[in-house]
């Protein structure tokens, strides 16, 4: 889940959810809700990746072959 990965990155970057929320220009409550629902747009994930100095890779993988599209 994306939320779990974000939480791990916050620990690795020694950043709080409140600090991340501030940097992506949202409220801590809104970020907390999104983490609870695991509901992020690609744009939001890219903003989070930028703040956390990470590369975001989004891909579709065909189940039959493992080919990424």
C-alpha atoms as a PDB file:
ATOM      1  CA  UNK A   1       0.000   0.000   0.000  1.00  0.00           C
ATOM      2  CA  UNK A   2       1.138   3.502  -0.785  1.00  0.00           C
ATOM      3  CA  UNK A   3       0.339   4.743   2.724  1.00  0.00           C
ATOM      4  CA  UNK A   4       2.697   2.221   4.308  1.00  0.00           C
ATOM      5  CA  UNK A   5       5.479   3.286   1.970  1.00  0.00           C
ATOM      6  CA  UNK A   6       4.907   6.954   2.795  1.00  0.00           C
ATOM      7  CA  UNK A   7       5.063   6.201   6.522  1.00  0.00           C
ATOM      8  CA  UNK A   8       8.351   4.312   6.051  1.00  0.00           C
ATOM      9  CA  UNK A   9       9.780   7.206   4.048  1.00  0.00           C
ATOM     10  CA  UNK A  10       8.752   9.680   6.750  1.00  0.00           C
ATOM     11  CA  UNK A  11      10.709   7.647   9.296  1.00  0.00           C
ATOM     12  CA  UNK A  12      13.744   7.388   7.012  1.00  0.00           C
ATOM     13  CA  UNK A  13      13.654  11.141   6.341  1.00  0.00           C
ATOM     14  CA  UNK A  14      12.993  11.958  10.018  1.00  0.00           C
ATOM     15  CA  UNK A  15       9.948  14.015   9.057  1.00  0.00           C
ATOM     16  CA  UNK A  16       6.567  14.219  10.756  1.00  0.00           C
ATOM     17  CA  UNK A  17       3.226  13.945   8.997  1.00  0.00           C
ATOM     18  CA  UNK A  18       2.569  17.565   9.943  1.00  0.00           C
ATOM     19  CA  UNK A  19       5.802  18.670   8.283  1.00  0.00           C
ATOM     20  CA  UNK A  20       4.964  16.702   5.146  1.00  0.00           C
ATOM     21  CA  UNK A  21       1.441  18.122   5.075  1.00  0.00           C
ATOM     22  CA  UNK A  22       2.845  21.644   5.310  1.00  0.00           C
ATOM     23  CA  UNK A  23       5.324  21.014   2.492  1.00  0.00           C
ATOM     24  CA  UNK A  24       2.670  19.618   0.133  1.00  0.00           C
ATOM     25  CA  UNK A  25       0.315  22.457   1.094  1.00  0.00           C
ATOM     26  CA  UNK A  26      -2.432  20.472   2.757  1.00  0.00           C
ATOM     27  CA  UNK A  27      -3.635  20.127   6.314  1.00  0.00           C
ATOM     28  CA  UNK A  28      -2.358  17.419   8.657  1.00  0.00           C
ATOM     29  CA  UNK A  29      -5.959  16.191   8.989  1.00  0.00           C
ATOM     30  CA  UNK A  30      -6.368  15.860   5.213  1.00  0.00           C
ATOM     31  CA  UNK A  31      -3.062  13.987   4.908  1.00  0.00           C
ATOM     32  CA  UNK A  32      -4.032  11.715   7.795  1.00  0.00           C
ATOM     33  CA  UNK A  33      -7.367  10.946   6.111  1.00  0.00           C
ATOM     34  CA  UNK A  34      -5.655  10.152   2.817  1.00  0.00           C
ATOM     35  CA  UNK A  35      -3.180   7.875   4.591  1.00  0.00           C
ATOM     36  CA  UNK A  36      -6.053   6.091   6.369  1.00  0.00           C
ATOM     37  CA  UNK A  37      -7.935   5.552   3.111  1.00  0.00           C
ATOM     38  CA  UNK A  38      -4.768   4.953   1.056  1.00  0.00           C
ATOM     39  CA  UNK A  39      -6.243   7.379  -1.451  1.00  0.00           C
ATOM     40  CA  UNK A  40      -3.743   9.527  -3.352  1.00  0.00           C
ATOM     41  CA  UNK A  41      -3.769  10.931  -6.852  1.00  0.00           C
ATOM     42  CA  UNK A  42      -0.679  10.507  -8.983  1.00  0.00           C
ATOM     43  CA  UNK A  43      -0.104  14.268  -8.673  1.00  0.00           C
ATOM     44  CA  UNK A  44      -0.183  14.029  -4.866  1.00  0.00           C
ATOM     45  CA  UNK A  45       2.187  11.058  -4.883  1.00  0.00           C
ATOM     46  CA  UNK A  46       4.597  12.998  -7.104  1.00  0.00           C
ATOM     47  CA  UNK A  47       4.487  15.973  -4.723  1.00  0.00           C
ATOM     48  CA  UNK A  48       5.206  13.676  -1.781  1.00  0.00           C
ATOM     49  CA  UNK A  49       8.053  12.026  -3.679  1.00  0.00           C
ATOM     50  CA  UNK A  50       9.550  15.433  -4.457  1.00  0.00           C
ATOM     51  CA  UNK A  51       9.423  16.515  -0.808  1.00  0.00           C
ATOM     52  CA  UNK A  52      10.897  13.212   0.373  1.00  0.00           C
ATOM     53  CA  UNK A  53      13.616  13.279  -2.319  1.00  0.00           C
ATOM     54  CA  UNK A  54      12.419  10.090  -3.974  1.00  0.00           C
ATOM     55  CA  UNK A  55      11.709   8.928  -7.493  1.00  0.00           C
ATOM     56  CA  UNK A  56       8.097   7.896  -8.104  1.00  0.00           C
ATOM     57  CA  UNK A  57       7.593   4.952 -10.454  1.00  0.00           C
ATOM     58  CA  UNK A  58       4.035   4.157 -11.542  1.00  0.00           C
ATOM     59  CA  UNK A  59       3.461   1.214 -13.852  1.00  0.00           C
ATOM     60  CA  UNK A  60       0.842  -1.260 -14.939  1.00  0.00           C
ATOM     61  CA  UNK A  61       2.103  -4.839 -14.973  1.00  0.00           C
ATOM     62  CA  UNK A  62       0.429  -7.512 -17.060  1.00  0.00           C
ATOM     63  CA  UNK A  63      -0.369 -10.377 -14.709  1.00  0.00           C
ATOM     64  CA  UNK A  64       0.124 -13.089 -17.328  1.00  0.00           C
ATOM     65  CA  UNK A  65       3.604 -12.043 -18.415  1.00  0.00           C
ATOM     66  CA  UNK A  66       4.921  -9.638 -15.784  1.00  0.00           C
ATOM     67  CA  UNK A  67       5.465  -7.059 -18.538  1.00  0.00           C
ATOM     68  CA  UNK A  68       5.293  -3.495 -17.281  1.00  0.00           C
ATOM     69  CA  UNK A  69       3.431  -0.963 -19.377  1.00  0.00           C
END
